[in-house]
């Protein structure tokens, strides 16, 4: 992660996070609470437990990008499946995503950024990817980020944060 990107991520996180209890991380401690993702961190199935958007982003509730229920399945062969839904995802939907042919590939670069490329796309989508090392609370959500959760931050082409997803692992490497 570039220094400018790291500073931007920390600034945005500092604006979102507080220390409501002794086990939560204060904004001053964020450098010790996050680290860049590695490839091994991602393998498995993840549920999105929180989605936040920048105030300037227009949210279209009919756009799957903003659906409240999302699953990410990262396979060791670098294929990825992504499911979005307007209702909670049950075991049948979970199995359907895992058995569907993958249409996206993924990798993590040396800066810890997640690069995903949909079939036919000319350029990858890039997200800052960070692994939580400590419990982090957001005053706007009753669900804290826990050690082992992933924080994916998507940026616009001009480098401004667009959306942030907090993901929690649902299964191990074998999905």
C-alpha atoms as a PDB file:
ATOM      1  CA  UNK A   1       0.000   0.000   0.000  1.00  0.00           C
ATOM      2  CA  UNK A   2       1.376   3.388  -0.886  1.00  0.00           C
ATOM      3  CA  UNK A   3       1.973   5.830   1.936  1.00  0.00           C
ATOM      4  CA  UNK A   4      -0.769   8.146   0.606  1.00  0.00           C
ATOM      5  CA  UNK A   5      -3.263   5.271   0.408  1.00  0.00           C
ATOM      6  CA  UNK A   6      -2.329   4.104   3.912  1.00  0.00           C
ATOM      7  CA  UNK A   7      -2.834   7.614   5.283  1.00  0.00           C
ATOM      8  CA  UNK A   8      -6.188   7.904   3.486  1.00  0.00           C
ATOM      9  CA  UNK A   9      -7.365   4.559   4.873  1.00  0.00           C
ATOM     10  CA  UNK A  10      -6.272   5.465   8.390  1.00  0.00           C
ATOM     11  CA  UNK A  11      -7.955   8.872   8.158  1.00  0.00           C
ATOM     12  CA  UNK A  12     -11.243   7.351   7.019  1.00  0.00           C
ATOM     13  CA  UNK A  13     -11.049   4.657   9.684  1.00  0.00           C
ATOM     14  CA  UNK A  14     -10.228   7.209  12.351  1.00  0.00           C
ATOM     15  CA  UNK A  15     -13.395   9.074  11.449  1.00  0.00           C
ATOM     16  CA  UNK A  16     -15.457   5.893  11.791  1.00  0.00           C
ATOM     17  CA  UNK A  17     -14.018   4.146  14.823  1.00  0.00           C
ATOM     18  CA  UNK A  18     -14.150   4.819  18.553  1.00  0.00           C
ATOM     19  CA  UNK A  19     -13.245   3.059  21.771  1.00  0.00           C
ATOM     20  CA  UNK A  20     -16.528   2.287  23.569  1.00  0.00           C
ATOM     21  CA  UNK A  21     -15.026  -0.469  25.738  1.00  0.00           C
ATOM     22  CA  UNK A  22     -11.691  -1.721  26.889  1.00  0.00           C
ATOM     23  CA  UNK A  23     -11.433  -4.349  24.133  1.00  0.00           C
ATOM     24  CA  UNK A  24     -12.058  -1.939  21.263  1.00  0.00           C
ATOM     25  CA  UNK A  25      -9.382  -0.003  19.452  1.00  0.00           C
ATOM     26  CA  UNK A  26      -9.141   3.764  19.583  1.00  0.00           C
ATOM     27  CA  UNK A  27      -8.390   5.725  16.439  1.00  0.00           C
ATOM     28  CA  UNK A  28      -4.829   6.388  17.676  1.00  0.00           C
ATOM     29  CA  UNK A  29      -4.140   2.645  17.752  1.00  0.00           C
ATOM     30  CA  UNK A  30      -5.293   1.824  14.193  1.00  0.00           C
ATOM     31  CA  UNK A  31      -1.805   1.109  12.878  1.00  0.00           C
ATOM     32  CA  UNK A  32      -1.628  -1.765  15.366  1.00  0.00           C
ATOM     33  CA  UNK A  33      -5.179  -2.913  14.612  1.00  0.00           C
ATOM     34  CA  UNK A  34      -4.831  -3.546  10.853  1.00  0.00           C
ATOM     35  CA  UNK A  35      -2.397  -5.119   8.458  1.00  0.00           C
ATOM     36  CA  UNK A  36      -2.446  -5.579   4.687  1.00  0.00           C
ATOM     37  CA  UNK A  37      -4.076  -8.803   3.496  1.00  0.00           C
ATOM     38  CA  UNK A  38      -2.133 -11.738   2.159  1.00  0.00           C
ATOM     39  CA  UNK A  39      -3.360 -14.327  -0.307  1.00  0.00           C
ATOM     40  CA  UNK A  40      -3.693 -16.916   2.460  1.00  0.00           C
ATOM     41  CA  UNK A  41      -5.935 -14.630   4.502  1.00  0.00           C
ATOM     42  CA  UNK A  42      -8.635 -14.617   1.837  1.00  0.00           C
ATOM     43  CA  UNK A  43      -9.109 -18.287   0.949  1.00  0.00           C
ATOM     44  CA  UNK A  44     -12.545 -19.400   2.153  1.00  0.00           C
ATOM     45  CA  UNK A  45     -16.081 -18.060   2.219  1.00  0.00           C
ATOM     46  CA  UNK A  46     -16.885 -14.678   3.728  1.00  0.00           C
ATOM     47  CA  UNK A  47     -20.127 -12.956   4.685  1.00  0.00           C
ATOM     48  CA  UNK A  48     -20.423  -9.200   4.444  1.00  0.00           C
ATOM     49  CA  UNK A  49     -21.511  -8.016   7.869  1.00  0.00           C
ATOM     50  CA  UNK A  50     -21.387  -4.285   7.249  1.00  0.00           C
ATOM     51  CA  UNK A  51     -21.413  -1.977   4.235  1.00  0.00           C
ATOM     52  CA  UNK A  52     -20.665   1.703   4.410  1.00  0.00           C
ATOM     53  CA  UNK A  53     -20.509   4.263   1.644  1.00  0.00           C
ATOM     54  CA  UNK A  54     -18.956   7.694   1.422  1.00  0.00           C
ATOM     55  CA  UNK A  55     -21.483  10.519   1.944  1.00  0.00           C
ATOM     56  CA  UNK A  56     -20.985  11.677  -1.640  1.00  0.00           C
ATOM     57  CA  UNK A  57     -21.929   8.283  -3.101  1.00  0.00           C
ATOM     58  CA  UNK A  58     -25.414   7.941  -4.524  1.00  0.00           C
ATOM     59  CA  UNK A  59     -26.777   4.600  -3.328  1.00  0.00           C
ATOM     60  CA  UNK A  60     -29.203   2.891  -5.696  1.00  0.00           C
ATOM     61  CA  UNK A  61     -30.936   0.185  -3.617  1.00  0.00           C
ATOM     62  CA  UNK A  62     -31.701  -1.747  -6.823  1.00  0.00           C
ATOM     63  CA  UNK A  63     -27.974  -1.995  -7.656  1.00  0.00           C
ATOM     64  CA  UNK A  64     -26.566  -5.384  -6.502  1.00  0.00           C
ATOM     65  CA  UNK A  65     -23.356  -3.594  -5.485  1.00  0.00           C
ATOM     66  CA  UNK A  66     -25.290  -2.144  -2.527  1.00  0.00           C
ATOM     67  CA  UNK A  67     -27.426  -5.181  -1.596  1.00  0.00           C
ATOM     68  CA  UNK A  68     -27.328  -5.806   2.155  1.00  0.00           C
ATOM     69  CA  UNK A  69     -26.463  -9.520   1.944  1.00  0.00           C
ATOM     70  CA  UNK A  70     -23.262 -10.527   0.201  1.00  0.00           C
ATOM     71  CA  UNK A  71     -20.982 -13.545   0.129  1.00  0.00           C
ATOM     72  CA  UNK A  72     -17.462 -13.812  -1.236  1.00  0.00           C
ATOM     73  CA  UNK A  73     -15.886 -17.205  -1.935  1.00  0.00           C
ATOM     74  CA  UNK A  74     -12.139 -17.090  -2.616  1.00  0.00           C
ATOM     75  CA  UNK A  75     -10.682 -20.371  -3.884  1.00  0.00           C
ATOM     76  CA  UNK A  76      -7.050 -21.447  -3.724  1.00  0.00           C
ATOM     77  CA  UNK A  77      -7.027 -21.659  -7.549  1.00  0.00           C
ATOM     78  CA  UNK A  78      -7.556 -17.852  -7.584  1.00  0.00           C
ATOM     79  CA  UNK A  79     -11.156 -18.061  -8.737  1.00  0.00           C
ATOM     80  CA  UNK A  80     -13.768 -16.037  -6.892  1.00  0.00           C
ATOM     81  CA  UNK A  81     -17.515 -16.150  -6.627  1.00  0.00           C
ATOM     82  CA  UNK A  82     -19.590 -13.230  -5.355  1.00  0.00           C
ATOM     83  CA  UNK A  83     -23.256 -13.436  -4.395  1.00  0.00           C
ATOM     84  CA  UNK A  84     -25.424 -10.411  -3.615  1.00  0.00           C
ATOM     85  CA  UNK A  85     -28.980 -10.633  -2.301  1.00  0.00           C
ATOM     86  CA  UNK A  86     -31.759  -8.468  -0.921  1.00  0.00           C
ATOM     87  CA  UNK A  87     -32.734 -11.158   1.620  1.00  0.00           C
ATOM     88  CA  UNK A  88     -30.580 -13.262   3.964  1.00  0.00           C
ATOM     89  CA  UNK A  89     -28.522 -15.946   2.229  1.00  0.00           C
ATOM     90  CA  UNK A  90     -29.453 -19.460   3.324  1.00  0.00           C
ATOM     91  CA  UNK A  91     -27.628 -22.782   2.919  1.00  0.00           C
ATOM     92  CA  UNK A  92     -29.157 -23.456  -0.512  1.00  0.00           C
ATOM     93  CA  UNK A  93     -28.034 -20.100  -1.911  1.00  0.00           C
ATOM     94  CA  UNK A  94     -24.633 -20.601  -0.301  1.00  0.00           C
ATOM     95  CA  UNK A  95     -24.250 -23.975  -2.006  1.00  0.00           C
ATOM     96  CA  UNK A  96     -25.419 -22.512  -5.325  1.00  0.00           C
ATOM     97  CA  UNK A  97     -22.685 -19.881  -5.281  1.00  0.00           C
ATOM     98  CA  UNK A  98     -20.015 -22.429  -4.396  1.00  0.00           C
ATOM     99  CA  UNK A  99     -21.079 -24.794  -7.182  1.00  0.00           C
ATOM    100  CA  UNK A 100     -21.525 -22.124  -9.890  1.00  0.00           C
ATOM    101  CA  UNK A 101     -18.736 -21.695 -12.420  1.00  0.00           C
ATOM    102  CA  UNK A 102     -16.468 -18.835 -11.361  1.00  0.00           C
ATOM    103  CA  UNK A 103     -16.528 -15.715 -13.507  1.00  0.00           C
ATOM    104  CA  UNK A 104     -13.946 -13.727 -11.552  1.00  0.00           C
ATOM    105  CA  UNK A 105     -10.279 -14.229 -10.746  1.00  0.00           C
ATOM    106  CA  UNK A 106      -8.448 -12.666  -7.825  1.00  0.00           C
ATOM    107  CA  UNK A 107      -5.000 -11.976  -6.473  1.00  0.00           C
ATOM    108  CA  UNK A 108      -3.405  -9.910  -3.724  1.00  0.00           C
ATOM    109  CA  UNK A 109      -0.532  -7.667  -4.758  1.00  0.00           C
ATOM    110  CA  UNK A 110       2.597  -6.906  -2.729  1.00  0.00           C
ATOM    111  CA  UNK A 111       0.833  -3.898  -1.180  1.00  0.00           C
ATOM    112  CA  UNK A 112      -2.016  -6.020   0.177  1.00  0.00           C
ATOM    113  CA  UNK A 113      -4.526  -4.782  -2.385  1.00  0.00           C
ATOM    114  CA  UNK A 114      -7.199  -7.175  -3.640  1.00  0.00           C
ATOM    115  CA  UNK A 115      -7.319  -7.223  -7.440  1.00  0.00           C
ATOM    116  CA  UNK A 116     -10.382  -8.882  -8.968  1.00  0.00           C
ATOM    117  CA  UNK A 117     -11.034  -9.307 -12.674  1.00  0.00           C
ATOM    118  CA  UNK A 118     -14.377 -10.356 -14.107  1.00  0.00           C
ATOM    119  CA  UNK A 119     -14.382 -12.452 -17.274  1.00  0.00           C
ATOM    120  CA  UNK A 120     -13.985 -10.160 -20.267  1.00  0.00           C
ATOM    121  CA  UNK A 121     -12.858  -7.132 -18.232  1.00  0.00           C
ATOM    122  CA  UNK A 122      -9.801  -5.297 -19.485  1.00  0.00           C
ATOM    123  CA  UNK A 123      -8.661  -4.009 -16.101  1.00  0.00           C
ATOM    124  CA  UNK A 124      -8.984  -5.348 -12.566  1.00  0.00           C
ATOM    125  CA  UNK A 125     -11.047  -3.755  -9.831  1.00  0.00           C
ATOM    126  CA  UNK A 126      -8.826  -2.723  -6.938  1.00  0.00           C
ATOM    127  CA  UNK A 127      -9.738  -2.680  -3.254  1.00  0.00           C
ATOM    128  CA  UNK A 128      -7.564  -1.903  -0.270  1.00  0.00           C
ATOM    129  CA  UNK A 129      -7.687  -5.096   1.775  1.00  0.00           C
ATOM    130  CA  UNK A 130      -6.821  -5.147   5.442  1.00  0.00           C
ATOM    131  CA  UNK A 131      -7.032  -7.825   8.107  1.00  0.00           C
ATOM    132  CA  UNK A 132      -8.260  -6.720  11.518  1.00  0.00           C
ATOM    133  CA  UNK A 133      -5.885  -7.638  14.333  1.00  0.00           C
ATOM    134  CA  UNK A 134      -8.027  -6.214  17.146  1.00  0.00           C
ATOM    135  CA  UNK A 135     -11.674  -5.561  17.898  1.00  0.00           C
ATOM    136  CA  UNK A 136     -12.855  -2.293  16.324  1.00  0.00           C
ATOM    137  CA  UNK A 137     -16.210  -0.663  17.041  1.00  0.00           C
ATOM    138  CA  UNK A 138     -18.142   1.761  14.875  1.00  0.00           C
ATOM    139  CA  UNK A 139     -20.666   3.918  16.770  1.00  0.00           C
ATOM    140  CA  UNK A 140     -23.151   3.553  13.909  1.00  0.00           C
ATOM    141  CA  UNK A 141     -23.264  -0.246  14.084  1.00  0.00           C
ATOM    142  CA  UNK A 142     -23.963  -2.722  16.855  1.00  0.00           C
ATOM    143  CA  UNK A 143     -21.649  -5.223  15.115  1.00  0.00           C
ATOM    144  CA  UNK A 144     -17.962  -4.712  15.919  1.00  0.00           C
ATOM    145  CA  UNK A 145     -15.122  -5.720  13.627  1.00  0.00           C
ATOM    146  CA  UNK A 146     -13.314  -8.678  15.185  1.00  0.00           C
ATOM    147  CA  UNK A 147      -9.769  -9.980  14.844  1.00  0.00           C
ATOM    148  CA  UNK A 148      -9.617 -11.973  11.598  1.00  0.00           C
ATOM    149  CA  UNK A 149     -12.299  -9.927   9.819  1.00  0.00           C
ATOM    150  CA  UNK A 150     -11.460  -8.297   6.476  1.00  0.00           C
ATOM    151  CA  UNK A 151     -11.934  -4.658   5.635  1.00  0.00           C
ATOM    152  CA  UNK A 152     -12.303  -4.041   1.884  1.00  0.00           C
ATOM    153  CA  UNK A 153     -12.260  -0.421   0.768  1.00  0.00           C
ATOM    154  CA  UNK A 154     -13.124   0.392  -2.827  1.00  0.00           C
ATOM    155  CA  UNK A 155     -11.813   3.644  -4.301  1.00  0.00           C
ATOM    156  CA  UNK A 156     -12.967   5.681  -7.272  1.00  0.00           C
ATOM    157  CA  UNK A 157     -10.635   6.339 -10.177  1.00  0.00           C
ATOM    158  CA  UNK A 158      -9.670   9.665  -8.555  1.00  0.00           C
ATOM    159  CA  UNK A 159      -8.577   7.873  -5.363  1.00  0.00           C
ATOM    160  CA  UNK A 160     -11.537   8.753  -3.138  1.00  0.00           C
ATOM    161  CA  UNK A 161     -13.150   6.049  -0.966  1.00  0.00           C
ATOM    162  CA  UNK A 162     -16.483   4.854  -2.351  1.00  0.00           C
ATOM    163  CA  UNK A 163     -17.526   1.892  -0.224  1.00  0.00           C
ATOM    164  CA  UNK A 164     -16.187  -0.163   2.629  1.00  0.00           C
ATOM    165  CA  UNK A 165     -17.203  -3.732   3.383  1.00  0.00           C
ATOM    166  CA  UNK A 166     -16.498  -5.610   6.584  1.00  0.00           C
ATOM    167  CA  UNK A 167     -16.326  -9.351   5.902  1.00  0.00           C
ATOM    168  CA  UNK A 168     -16.348 -12.219   8.390  1.00  0.00           C
ATOM    169  CA  UNK A 169     -15.077 -15.673   7.505  1.00  0.00           C
ATOM    170  CA  UNK A 170     -17.699 -18.384   7.369  1.00  0.00           C
ATOM    171  CA  UNK A 171     -15.586 -21.415   6.472  1.00  0.00           C
ATOM    172  CA  UNK A 172     -12.058 -22.626   6.068  1.00  0.00           C
ATOM    173  CA  UNK A 173      -9.927 -23.101   2.982  1.00  0.00           C
ATOM    174  CA  UNK A 174     -12.018 -26.001   1.661  1.00  0.00           C
ATOM    175  CA  UNK A 175     -15.162 -23.865   1.572  1.00  0.00           C
END
